[in-house]
């Protein structure tokens, strides 16, 4: 994968995270604050916990830091998969966000 291909796919993922936050906030009382700065999104929950998602361009990876741990994702040709076999990015983000928010949340790509 070239740097340009990575950035295109990664940008789509970040936009999907932002869109999902907006959809979740409209449909529930989750009240997730999402702040974007370049290639990084910080999700802040009402209990002040955070999930940080950022791009690692030299490695062609997306990293996520949550209370449950740190995760690295690589694109496998169809989806962003955890490098240690923990699953697909949006499923993992949904799990981590649900834990931190204390209510079921679903993020989608």
Protein backbone atom coordinates (compact mmCIF):
# COMPACT_ATOMS: atom_id res chain seq x y z
CA UNK A 1 0.00 0.00 0.00
CA UNK A 2 1.30 3.44 -0.87
CA UNK A 3 1.21 6.39 1.54
CA UNK A 4 -1.51 7.98 -0.60
CA UNK A 5 -3.67 4.84 -0.48
CA UNK A 6 -3.19 4.62 3.28
CA UNK A 7 -4.17 8.25 3.81
CA UNK A 8 -7.30 7.84 1.66
CA UNK A 9 -8.45 4.75 3.57
CA UNK A 10 -7.50 6.23 6.95
CA UNK A 11 -9.36 9.47 6.22
CA UNK A 12 -12.49 7.47 5.40
CA UNK A 13 -12.17 5.68 8.74
CA UNK A 14 -11.78 8.94 10.69
CA UNK A 15 -14.79 10.46 8.93
CA UNK A 16 -16.83 7.35 9.75
CA UNK A 17 -15.87 7.67 13.44
CA UNK A 18 -16.98 11.33 13.44
CA UNK A 19 -20.24 10.46 11.66
CA UNK A 20 -20.91 7.62 14.10
CA UNK A 21 -20.40 9.97 17.06
CA UNK A 22 -22.93 12.39 15.59
CA UNK A 23 -25.42 9.57 14.95
CA UNK A 24 -24.95 8.14 18.46
CA UNK A 25 -25.40 11.56 20.08
CA UNK A 26 -28.60 12.19 18.10
CA UNK A 27 -30.08 8.77 18.94
CA UNK A 28 -29.06 8.45 22.60
CA UNK A 29 -27.96 10.22 25.76
CA UNK A 30 -24.33 9.17 25.27
CA UNK A 31 -23.07 12.77 24.88
CA UNK A 32 -19.72 11.85 23.33
CA UNK A 33 -17.52 14.85 22.58
CA UNK A 34 -15.28 14.25 19.57
CA UNK A 35 -12.38 16.55 18.79
CA UNK A 36 -10.28 16.15 15.68
CA UNK A 37 -6.79 17.49 15.22
CA UNK A 38 -5.23 16.44 11.92
CA UNK A 39 -4.91 12.66 11.95
CA UNK A 40 -6.13 12.24 15.52
CA UNK A 41 -9.61 12.04 17.06
CA UNK A 42 -10.21 12.20 20.79
CA UNK A 43 -13.55 10.88 22.04
CA UNK A 44 -14.42 12.16 25.51
CA UNK A 45 -17.24 10.58 27.50
CA UNK A 46 -19.33 12.27 30.24
CA UNK A 47 -17.28 10.43 32.91
CA UNK A 48 -14.17 12.16 31.46
CA UNK A 49 -12.62 8.98 30.11
CA UNK A 50 -11.22 9.17 26.59
CA UNK A 51 -10.52 7.07 23.54
CA UNK A 52 -7.81 8.39 21.23
CA UNK A 53 -7.56 7.26 17.61
CA UNK A 54 -4.57 8.37 15.57
CA UNK A 55 -2.82 7.62 12.32
CA UNK A 56 0.65 6.09 12.20
CA UNK A 57 1.51 6.98 8.63
CA UNK A 58 5.04 5.46 8.51
CA UNK A 59 3.64 2.10 9.65
CA UNK A 60 0.38 2.35 7.65
CA UNK A 61 -1.50 1.67 10.88
CA UNK A 62 -4.28 3.22 12.92
CA UNK A 63 -3.78 3.16 16.67
CA UNK A 64 -6.50 3.30 19.30
CA UNK A 65 -5.93 3.93 23.01
CA UNK A 66 -8.82 3.14 25.36
CA UNK A 67 -9.23 2.19 29.01
CA UNK A 68 -9.19 -1.46 27.89
CA UNK A 69 -5.76 -1.06 26.28
CA UNK A 70 -3.86 0.00 23.19
CA UNK A 71 -4.65 -1.43 19.76
CA UNK A 72 -2.96 -1.28 16.35
CA UNK A 73 -4.90 -1.83 13.12
CA UNK A 74 -3.76 -2.57 9.57
CA UNK A 75 -5.87 -2.65 6.45
CA UNK A 76 -6.15 -6.24 5.15
CA UNK A 77 -7.69 -5.36 1.78
CA UNK A 78 -11.26 -5.19 3.05
CA UNK A 79 -11.21 -3.92 6.66
CA UNK A 80 -8.99 -2.59 9.44
CA UNK A 81 -7.91 -5.58 11.56
CA UNK A 82 -6.08 -5.61 14.89
CA UNK A 83 -2.47 -6.71 14.49
CA UNK A 84 -2.81 -9.05 17.50
CA UNK A 85 -6.02 -10.71 16.33
CA UNK A 86 -8.43 -8.74 18.52
CA UNK A 87 -10.82 -8.13 15.61
CA UNK A 88 -12.09 -5.44 13.29
CA UNK A 89 -11.65 -1.74 14.18
CA UNK A 90 -15.31 -0.66 14.42
CA UNK A 91 -16.30 -3.73 16.46
CA UNK A 92 -13.44 -3.06 18.88
CA UNK A 93 -14.25 0.67 19.07
CA UNK A 94 -17.91 -0.17 19.77
CA UNK A 95 -16.87 -2.51 22.61
CA UNK A 96 -14.42 -0.03 24.15
CA UNK A 97 -16.82 2.91 23.86
CA UNK A 98 -19.69 0.89 25.35
CA UNK A 99 -17.53 0.00 28.35
CA UNK A 100 -16.46 3.59 28.88
CA UNK A 101 -19.93 5.08 28.34
CA UNK A 102 -21.72 2.44 30.41
CA UNK A 103 -24.33 1.97 27.67
CA UNK A 104 -24.32 -0.06 24.42
CA UNK A 105 -22.87 1.98 21.53
CA UNK A 106 -22.35 0.99 17.91
CA UNK A 107 -19.78 2.58 15.63
CA UNK A 108 -19.89 1.72 11.93
CA UNK A 109 -17.65 2.25 8.94
